[in-house]
């Protein structure tokens, strides 16, 4: 499984990272992956709703807006894209 994580402000890409693991992408493990990704990017972990998971599962992409974070953030969105799907 491979997730491409992008931090975006306006139209500018502030940071990105590829997160890889040999384990499959499943709803239960996604929360752990999200925490690890945010830790690597030095971000607080956003509140992940079932709609985020459904978008990732169905469309292979999920977006987190500033309202999804408890702490104030200085970007417009975090995009998580599944780039290793069949």
PDB file of N, CA and C in Angstrom:
ATOM      1  N   UNK A   1       0.842  -1.156   0.000  1.00  0.00           N
ATOM      2  CA  UNK A   1       0.000   0.000   0.000  1.00  0.00           C
ATOM      3  C   UNK A   1       0.896   1.231   0.000  1.00  0.00           C
ATOM      4  N   UNK A   2       0.490   2.214  -0.795  1.00  0.00           N
ATOM      5  CA  UNK A   2       1.265   3.441  -0.895  1.00  0.00           C
ATOM      6  C   UNK A   2       0.305   4.626  -0.891  1.00  0.00           C
ATOM      7  N   UNK A   3       0.520   5.561   0.056  1.00  0.00           N
ATOM      8  CA  UNK A   3      -0.283   6.777   0.152  1.00  0.00           C
ATOM      9  C   UNK A   3       0.594   7.985  -0.120  1.00  0.00           C
ATOM     10  N   UNK A   4       0.115   8.882  -0.951  1.00  0.00           N
ATOM     11  CA  UNK A   4       0.800  10.135  -1.237  1.00  0.00           C
ATOM     12  C   UNK A   4       0.080  11.225  -0.457  1.00  0.00           C
ATOM     13  N   UNK A   5       0.791  11.865   0.449  1.00  0.00           N
ATOM     14  CA  UNK A   5       0.212  12.886   1.316  1.00  0.00           C
ATOM     15  C   UNK A   5       0.755  14.246   0.893  1.00  0.00           C
ATOM     16  N   UNK A   6      -0.164  15.196   0.680  1.00  0.00           N
ATOM     17  CA  UNK A   6       0.217  16.530   0.225  1.00  0.00           C
ATOM     18  C   UNK A   6      -0.387  17.574   1.155  1.00  0.00           C
ATOM     19  N   UNK A   7       0.414  18.564   1.529  1.00  0.00           N
ATOM     20  CA  UNK A   7      -0.072  19.704   2.300  1.00  0.00           C
ATOM     21  C   UNK A   7      -0.124  20.880   1.336  1.00  0.00           C
ATOM     22  N   UNK A   8      -1.297  21.492   1.211  1.00  0.00           N
ATOM     23  CA  UNK A   8      -1.524  22.510   0.195  1.00  0.00           C
ATOM     24  C   UNK A   8      -2.032  23.797   0.838  1.00  0.00           C
ATOM     25  N   UNK A   9      -1.500  24.932   0.356  1.00  0.00           N
ATOM     26  CA  UNK A   9      -2.000  26.248   0.746  1.00  0.00           C
ATOM     27  C   UNK A   9      -2.233  27.027  -0.534  1.00  0.00           C
ATOM     28  N   UNK A  10      -3.490  27.374  -0.799  1.00  0.00           N
ATOM     29  CA  UNK A  10      -3.842  27.990  -2.070  1.00  0.00           C
ATOM     30  C   UNK A  10      -3.609  26.974  -3.173  1.00  0.00           C
ATOM     31  N   UNK A  11      -2.787  27.329  -4.125  1.00  0.00           N
ATOM     32  CA  UNK A  11      -2.418  26.407  -5.198  1.00  0.00           C
ATOM     33  C   UNK A  11      -0.992  25.887  -5.031  1.00  0.00           C
ATOM     34  N   UNK A  12      -0.377  26.201  -3.888  1.00  0.00           N
ATOM     35  CA  UNK A  12       1.022  25.855  -3.660  1.00  0.00           C
ATOM     36  C   UNK A  12       1.144  24.590  -2.808  1.00  0.00           C
ATOM     37  N   UNK A  13       1.995  23.692  -3.250  1.00  0.00           N
ATOM     38  CA  UNK A  13       2.300  22.473  -2.503  1.00  0.00           C
ATOM     39  C   UNK A  13       3.372  22.809  -1.469  1.00  0.00           C
ATOM     40  N   UNK A  14       3.021  22.758  -0.186  1.00  0.00           N
ATOM     41  CA  UNK A  14       3.960  23.098   0.877  1.00  0.00           C
ATOM     42  C   UNK A  14       4.870  21.922   1.237  1.00  0.00           C
ATOM     43  N   UNK A  15       4.313  20.732   1.210  1.00  0.00           N
ATOM     44  CA  UNK A  15       5.086  19.536   1.559  1.00  0.00           C
ATOM     45  C   UNK A  15       4.354  18.320   1.012  1.00  0.00           C
ATOM     46  N   UNK A  16       5.098  17.274   0.770  1.00  0.00           N
ATOM     47  CA  UNK A  16       4.476  16.010   0.398  1.00  0.00           C
ATOM     48  C   UNK A  16       5.369  14.863   0.846  1.00  0.00           C
ATOM     49  N   UNK A  17       4.767  13.716   0.953  1.00  0.00           N
ATOM     50  CA  UNK A  17       5.483  12.533   1.427  1.00  0.00           C
ATOM     51  C   UNK A  17       4.750  11.299   0.923  1.00  0.00           C
ATOM     52  N   UNK A  18       5.507  10.280   0.603  1.00  0.00           N
ATOM     53  CA  UNK A  18       4.942   8.975   0.238  1.00  0.00           C
ATOM     54  C   UNK A  18       5.053   8.083   1.472  1.00  0.00           C
ATOM     55  N   UNK A  19       3.939   7.503   1.865  1.00  0.00           N
ATOM     56  CA  UNK A  19       3.897   6.581   3.001  1.00  0.00           C
ATOM     57  C   UNK A  19       3.673   5.181   2.443  1.00  0.00           C
ATOM     58  N   UNK A  20       4.597   4.273   2.740  1.00  0.00           N
ATOM     59  CA  UNK A  20       4.523   2.897   2.226  1.00  0.00           C
ATOM     60  C   UNK A  20       4.454   1.893   3.374  1.00  0.00           C
ATOM     61  N   UNK A  21       3.709   0.844   3.120  1.00  0.00           N
ATOM     62  CA  UNK A  21       3.680  -0.288   4.033  1.00  0.00           C
ATOM     63  C   UNK A  21       3.284  -1.522   3.228  1.00  0.00           C
ATOM     64  N   UNK A  22       3.678  -2.676   3.704  1.00  0.00           N
ATOM     65  CA  UNK A  22       3.321  -3.923   3.029  1.00  0.00           C
ATOM     66  C   UNK A  22       1.927  -4.403   3.411  1.00  0.00           C
ATOM     67  N   UNK A  23       1.333  -3.752   4.387  1.00  0.00           N
ATOM     68  CA  UNK A  23       0.007  -4.142   4.851  1.00  0.00           C
ATOM     69  C   UNK A  23      -1.060  -3.513   3.965  1.00  0.00           C
ATOM     70  N   UNK A  24      -2.219  -4.157   3.846  1.00  0.00           N
ATOM     71  CA  UNK A  24      -3.289  -3.595   3.016  1.00  0.00           C
ATOM     72  C   UNK A  24      -3.940  -2.387   3.686  1.00  0.00           C
ATOM     73  N   UNK A  25      -4.570  -1.567   2.869  1.00  0.00           N
ATOM     74  CA  UNK A  25      -5.298  -0.403   3.369  1.00  0.00           C
ATOM     75  C   UNK A  25      -6.698  -0.845   3.778  1.00  0.00           C
ATOM     76  N   UNK A  26      -6.947  -0.811   5.076  1.00  0.00           N
ATOM     77  CA  UNK A  26      -8.243  -1.196   5.632  1.00  0.00           C
ATOM     78  C   UNK A  26      -8.690  -0.115   6.597  1.00  0.00           C
ATOM     79  N   UNK A  27      -9.969  -0.067   6.847  1.00  0.00           N
ATOM     80  CA  UNK A  27     -10.530   0.986   7.703  1.00  0.00           C
ATOM     81  C   UNK A  27      -9.892   0.994   9.087  1.00  0.00           C
ATOM     82  N   UNK A  28      -9.696  -0.165   9.680  1.00  0.00           N
ATOM     83  CA  UNK A  28      -9.137  -0.234  11.029  1.00  0.00           C
ATOM     84  C   UNK A  28      -7.687   0.243  11.081  1.00  0.00           C
ATOM     85  N   UNK A  29      -6.903  -0.095  10.072  1.00  0.00           N
ATOM     86  CA  UNK A  29      -5.495   0.294  10.070  1.00  0.00           C
ATOM     87  C   UNK A  29      -5.280   1.717   9.564  1.00  0.00           C
ATOM     88  N   UNK A  30      -6.257   2.285   8.867  1.00  0.00           N
ATOM     89  CA  UNK A  30      -6.108   3.629   8.315  1.00  0.00           C
ATOM     90  C   UNK A  30      -5.834   4.671   9.396  1.00  0.00           C
ATOM     91  N   UNK A  31      -6.500   4.566  10.529  1.00  0.00           N
ATOM     92  CA  UNK A  31      -6.289   5.515  11.635  1.00  0.00           C
ATOM     93  C   UNK A  31      -4.842   5.499  12.102  1.00  0.00           C
ATOM     94  N   UNK A  32      -4.262   4.315  12.198  1.00  0.00           N
ATOM     95  CA  UNK A  32      -2.856   4.198  12.603  1.00  0.00           C
ATOM     96  C   UNK A  32      -1.938   4.809  11.553  1.00  0.00           C
ATOM     97  N   UNK A  33      -2.228   4.547  10.282  1.00  0.00           N
ATOM     98  CA  UNK A  33      -1.431   5.130   9.193  1.00  0.00           C
ATOM     99  C   UNK A  33      -1.519   6.655   9.230  1.00  0.00           C
ATOM    100  N   UNK A  34      -2.712   7.160   9.439  1.00  0.00           N
ATOM    101  CA  UNK A  34      -2.923   8.605   9.486  1.00  0.00           C
ATOM    102  C   UNK A  34      -2.116   9.239  10.624  1.00  0.00           C
ATOM    103  N   UNK A  35      -2.108   8.603  11.772  1.00  0.00           N
ATOM    104  CA  UNK A  35      -1.319   9.112  12.898  1.00  0.00           C
ATOM    105  C   UNK A  35       0.167   9.115  12.571  1.00  0.00           C
ATOM    106  N   UNK A  36       0.657   8.059  11.956  1.00  0.00           N
ATOM    107  CA  UNK A  36       2.074   7.970  11.599  1.00  0.00           C
ATOM    108  C   UNK A  36       2.438   9.010  10.542  1.00  0.00           C
ATOM    109  N   UNK A  37       1.591   9.178   9.561  1.00  0.00           N
ATOM    110  CA  UNK A  37       1.818  10.172   8.511  1.00  0.00           C
ATOM    111  C   UNK A  37       1.910  11.568   9.121  1.00  0.00           C
ATOM    112  N   UNK A  38       0.978  11.903   9.971  1.00  0.00           N
ATOM    113  CA  UNK A  38       0.962  13.230  10.597  1.00  0.00           C
ATOM    114  C   UNK A  38       2.182  13.424  11.497  1.00  0.00           C
ATOM    115  N   UNK A  39       2.587  12.384  12.174  1.00  0.00           N
ATOM    116  CA  UNK A  39       3.785  12.462  13.007  1.00  0.00           C
ATOM    117  C   UNK A  39       5.011  12.754  12.141  1.00  0.00           C
ATOM    118  N   UNK A  40       5.136  12.066  11.009  1.00  0.00           N
ATOM    119  CA  UNK A  40       6.260  12.282  10.111  1.00  0.00           C
ATOM    120  C   UNK A  40       6.285  13.703   9.548  1.00  0.00           C
ATOM    121  N   UNK A  41       5.096  14.275   9.332  1.00  0.00           N
ATOM    122  CA  UNK A  41       5.003  15.630   8.783  1.00  0.00           C
ATOM    123  C   UNK A  41       4.909  16.698   9.870  1.00  0.00           C
ATOM    124  N   UNK A  42       5.021  16.294  11.120  1.00  0.00           N
ATOM    125  CA  UNK A  42       4.940  17.201  12.261  1.00  0.00           C
ATOM    126  C   UNK A  42       3.620  17.974  12.281  1.00  0.00           C
ATOM    127  N   UNK A  43       2.528  17.235  12.089  1.00  0.00           N
ATOM    128  CA  UNK A  43       1.176  17.783  12.134  1.00  0.00           C
ATOM    129  C   UNK A  43       0.402  17.123  13.258  1.00  0.00           C
ATOM    130  N   UNK A  44      -0.600  17.824  13.752  1.00  0.00           N
ATOM    131  CA  UNK A  44      -1.517  17.157  14.659  1.00  0.00           C
ATOM    132  C   UNK A  44      -2.398  16.237  13.808  1.00  0.00           C
ATOM    133  N   UNK A  45      -2.890  15.180  14.400  1.00  0.00           N
ATOM    134  CA  UNK A  45      -3.730  14.234  13.663  1.00  0.00           C
ATOM    135  C   UNK A  45      -5.135  14.815  13.536  1.00  0.00           C
ATOM    136  N   UNK A  46      -5.668  14.858  12.312  1.00  0.00           N
ATOM    137  CA  UNK A  46      -7.015  15.404  12.142  1.00  0.00           C
ATOM    138  C   UNK A  46      -8.075  14.427  12.644  1.00  0.00           C
ATOM    139  N   UNK A  47      -9.254  14.958  12.866  1.00  0.00           N
ATOM    140  CA  UNK A  47     -10.388  14.113  13.194  1.00  0.00           C
ATOM    141  C   UNK A  47     -10.824  13.459  11.890  1.00  0.00           C
ATOM    142  N   UNK A  48     -10.790  12.153  11.862  1.00  0.00           N
ATOM    143  CA  UNK A  48     -11.114  11.418  10.642  1.00  0.00           C
ATOM    144  C   UNK A  48     -12.525  10.852  10.764  1.00  0.00           C
ATOM    145  N   UNK A  49     -13.389  11.291   9.877  1.00  0.00           N
ATOM    146  CA  UNK A  49     -14.777  10.845   9.872  1.00  0.00           C
ATOM    147  C   UNK A  49     -14.941   9.671   8.919  1.00  0.00           C
ATOM    148  N   UNK A  50     -16.046   8.989   9.031  1.00  0.00           N
ATOM    149  CA  UNK A  50     -16.293   7.865   8.127  1.00  0.00           C
ATOM    150  C   UNK A  50     -16.356   8.346   6.680  1.00  0.00           C
ATOM    151  N   UNK A  51     -16.762   9.595   6.459  1.00  0.00           N
ATOM    152  CA  UNK A  51     -16.805  10.122   5.090  1.00  0.00           C
ATOM    153  C   UNK A  51     -15.403  10.222   4.487  1.00  0.00           C
ATOM    154  N   UNK A  52     -14.388  10.517   5.303  1.00  0.00           N
ATOM    155  CA  UNK A  52     -13.014  10.539   4.798  1.00  0.00           C
ATOM    156  C   UNK A  52     -12.616   9.143   4.311  1.00  0.00           C
ATOM    157  N   UNK A  53     -12.929   8.144   5.115  1.00  0.00           N
ATOM    158  CA  UNK A  53     -12.588   6.774   4.737  1.00  0.00           C
ATOM    159  C   UNK A  53     -13.328   6.365   3.467  1.00  0.00           C
ATOM    160  N   UNK A  54     -14.620   6.694   3.376  1.00  0.00           N
ATOM    161  CA  UNK A  54     -15.403   6.307   2.206  1.00  0.00           C
ATOM    162  C   UNK A  54     -14.867   6.964   0.930  1.00  0.00           C
ATOM    163  N   UNK A  55     -14.446   8.211   1.019  1.00  0.00           N
ATOM    164  CA  UNK A  55     -13.853   8.878  -0.145  1.00  0.00           C
ATOM    165  C   UNK A  55     -12.536   8.210  -0.534  1.00  0.00           C
ATOM    166  N   UNK A  56     -11.733   7.867   0.446  1.00  0.00           N
ATOM    167  CA  UNK A  56     -10.471   7.196   0.160  1.00  0.00           C
ATOM    168  C   UNK A  56     -10.715   5.821  -0.456  1.00  0.00           C
ATOM    169  N   UNK A  57     -11.666   5.121   0.077  1.00  0.00           N
ATOM    170  CA  UNK A  57     -11.976   3.777  -0.409  1.00  0.00           C
ATOM    171  C   UNK A  57     -12.592   3.812  -1.815  1.00  0.00           C
ATOM    172  N   UNK A  58     -13.511   4.730  -2.046  1.00  0.00           N
ATOM    173  CA  UNK A  58     -14.233   4.791  -3.312  1.00  0.00           C
ATOM    174  C   UNK A  58     -13.480   5.548  -4.405  1.00  0.00           C
ATOM    175  N   UNK A  59     -12.899   6.713  -4.049  1.00  0.00           N
ATOM    176  CA  UNK A  59     -12.273   7.585  -5.042  1.00  0.00           C
ATOM    177  C   UNK A  59     -10.749   7.618  -4.938  1.00  0.00           C
ATOM    178  N   UNK A  60     -10.190   6.924  -3.946  1.00  0.00           N
ATOM    179  CA  UNK A  60      -8.747   6.838  -3.721  1.00  0.00           C
ATOM    180  C   UNK A  60      -8.139   8.186  -3.324  1.00  0.00           C
ATOM    181  N   UNK A  61      -8.950   9.051  -2.722  1.00  0.00           N
ATOM    182  CA  UNK A  61      -8.449  10.344  -2.267  1.00  0.00           C
ATOM    183  C   UNK A  61      -9.317  10.834  -1.101  1.00  0.00           C
ATOM    184  N   UNK A  62      -8.676  11.451  -0.126  1.00  0.00           N
ATOM    185  CA  UNK A  62      -9.391  12.053   1.004  1.00  0.00           C
ATOM    186  C   UNK A  62      -8.760  13.411   1.281  1.00  0.00           C
ATOM    187  N   UNK A  63      -9.595  14.386   1.618  1.00  0.00           N
ATOM    188  CA  UNK A  63      -9.114  15.731   1.938  1.00  0.00           C
ATOM    189  C   UNK A  63      -9.479  16.087   3.371  1.00  0.00           C
ATOM    190  N   UNK A  64      -8.518  16.660   4.049  1.00  0.00           N
ATOM    191  CA  UNK A  64      -8.748  17.165   5.403  1.00  0.00           C
ATOM    192  C   UNK A  64      -8.569  18.667   5.361  1.00  0.00           C
ATOM    193  N   UNK A  65      -9.588  19.401   5.798  1.00  0.00           N
ATOM    194  CA  UNK A  65      -9.577  20.862   5.828  1.00  0.00           C
ATOM    195  C   UNK A  65      -9.146  21.326   7.224  1.00  0.00           C
ATOM    196  N   UNK A  66      -8.830  22.599   7.387  1.00  0.00           N
ATOM    197  CA  UNK A  66      -8.444  23.096   8.719  1.00  0.00           C
ATOM    198  C   UNK A  66      -9.476  22.796   9.808  1.00  0.00           C
ATOM    199  N   UNK A  67     -10.753  22.765   9.460  1.00  0.00           N
ATOM    200  CA  UNK A  67     -11.793  22.469  10.456  1.00  0.00           C
ATOM    201  C   UNK A  67     -11.704  21.040  11.004  1.00  0.00           C
ATOM    202  N   UNK A  68     -10.970  20.151  10.304  1.00  0.00           N
ATOM    203  CA  UNK A  68     -10.801  18.772  10.752  1.00  0.00           C
ATOM    204  C   UNK A  68      -9.689  18.622  11.787  1.00  0.00           C
ATOM    205  N   UNK A  69      -8.945  19.704  12.027  1.00  0.00           N
ATOM    206  CA  UNK A  69      -7.850  19.690  12.993  1.00  0.00           C
ATOM    207  C   UNK A  69      -8.283  20.430  14.246  1.00  0.00           C
ATOM    208  N   UNK A  70      -7.894  19.914  15.385  1.00  0.00           N
ATOM    209  CA  UNK A  70      -8.232  20.567  16.646  1.00  0.00           C
ATOM    210  C   UNK A  70      -7.376  21.810  16.841  1.00  0.00           C
ATOM    211  N   UNK A  71      -6.097  21.700  16.496  1.00  0.00           N
ATOM    212  CA  UNK A  71      -5.191  22.846  16.602  1.00  0.00           C
ATOM    213  C   UNK A  71      -5.288  23.700  15.339  1.00  0.00           C
ATOM    214  N   UNK A  72      -4.943  24.971  15.467  1.00  0.00           N
ATOM    215  CA  UNK A  72      -4.918  25.855  14.303  1.00  0.00           C
ATOM    216  C   UNK A  72      -3.806  25.420  13.353  1.00  0.00           C
ATOM    217  N   UNK A  73      -4.072  25.481  12.063  1.00  0.00           N
ATOM    218  CA  UNK A  73      -3.097  25.075  11.051  1.00  0.00           C
ATOM    219  C   UNK A  73      -2.924  26.213  10.045  1.00  0.00           C
ATOM    220  N   UNK A  74      -1.786  26.206   9.364  1.00  0.00           N
ATOM    221  CA  UNK A  74      -1.468  27.264   8.418  1.00  0.00           C
ATOM    222  C   UNK A  74      -1.418  26.725   6.980  1.00  0.00           C
ATOM    223  N   UNK A  75      -2.455  25.999   6.600  1.00  0.00           N
ATOM    224  CA  UNK A  75      -2.588  25.492   5.237  1.00  0.00           C
ATOM    225  C   UNK A  75      -4.069  25.320   4.956  1.00  0.00           C
ATOM    226  N   UNK A  76      -4.400  25.077   3.691  1.00  0.00           N
ATOM    227  CA  UNK A  76      -5.800  24.975   3.287  1.00  0.00           C
ATOM    228  C   UNK A  76      -6.340  23.552   3.304  1.00  0.00           C
ATOM    229  N   UNK A  77      -5.447  22.580   3.058  1.00  0.00           N
ATOM    230  CA  UNK A  77      -5.914  21.194   3.086  1.00  0.00           C
ATOM    231  C   UNK A  77      -4.749  20.221   3.090  1.00  0.00           C
ATOM    232  N   UNK A  78      -5.041  19.037   3.585  1.00  0.00           N
ATOM    233  CA  UNK A  78      -4.140  17.901   3.489  1.00  0.00           C
ATOM    234  C   UNK A  78      -4.860  16.888   2.610  1.00  0.00           C
ATOM    235  N   UNK A  79      -4.183  16.473   1.561  1.00  0.00           N
ATOM    236  CA  UNK A  79      -4.758  15.510   0.623  1.00  0.00           C
ATOM    237  C   UNK A  79      -4.018  14.187   0.789  1.00  0.00           C
ATOM    238  N   UNK A  80      -4.773  13.127   0.975  1.00  0.00           N
ATOM    239  CA  UNK A  80      -4.208  11.787   1.066  1.00  0.00           C
ATOM    240  C   UNK A  80      -4.746  10.995  -0.120  1.00  0.00           C
ATOM    241  N   UNK A  81      -3.827  10.528  -0.927  1.00  0.00           N
ATOM    242  CA  UNK A  81      -4.207   9.824  -2.152  1.00  0.00           C
ATOM    243  C   UNK A  81      -3.607   8.419  -2.153  1.00  0.00           C
ATOM    244  N   UNK A  82      -4.462   7.447  -2.389  1.00  0.00           N
ATOM    245  CA  UNK A  82      -4.026   6.064  -2.528  1.00  0.00           C
ATOM    246  C   UNK A  82      -3.488   5.897  -3.934  1.00  0.00           C
ATOM    247  N   UNK A  83      -2.195   5.758  -4.074  1.00  0.00           N
ATOM    248  CA  UNK A  83      -1.566   5.666  -5.392  1.00  0.00           C
ATOM    249  C   UNK A  83      -1.109   4.243  -5.712  1.00  0.00           C
ATOM    250  N   UNK A  84      -1.570   3.298  -4.937  1.00  0.00           N
ATOM    251  CA  UNK A  84      -1.163   1.901  -5.125  1.00  0.00           C
ATOM    252  C   UNK A  84      -2.390   1.009  -5.108  1.00  0.00           C
ATOM    253  N   UNK A  85      -3.381   1.362  -5.910  1.00  0.00           N
ATOM    254  CA  UNK A  85      -4.600   0.576  -5.945  1.00  0.00           C
ATOM    255  C   UNK A  85      -4.705  -0.185  -7.267  1.00  0.00           C
ATOM    256  N   UNK A  86      -5.497  -1.230  -7.255  1.00  0.00           N
ATOM    257  CA  UNK A  86      -5.696  -2.048  -8.466  1.00  0.00           C
ATOM    258  C   UNK A  86      -7.086  -1.839  -9.006  1.00  0.00           C
TER     259      UNK A  86
END
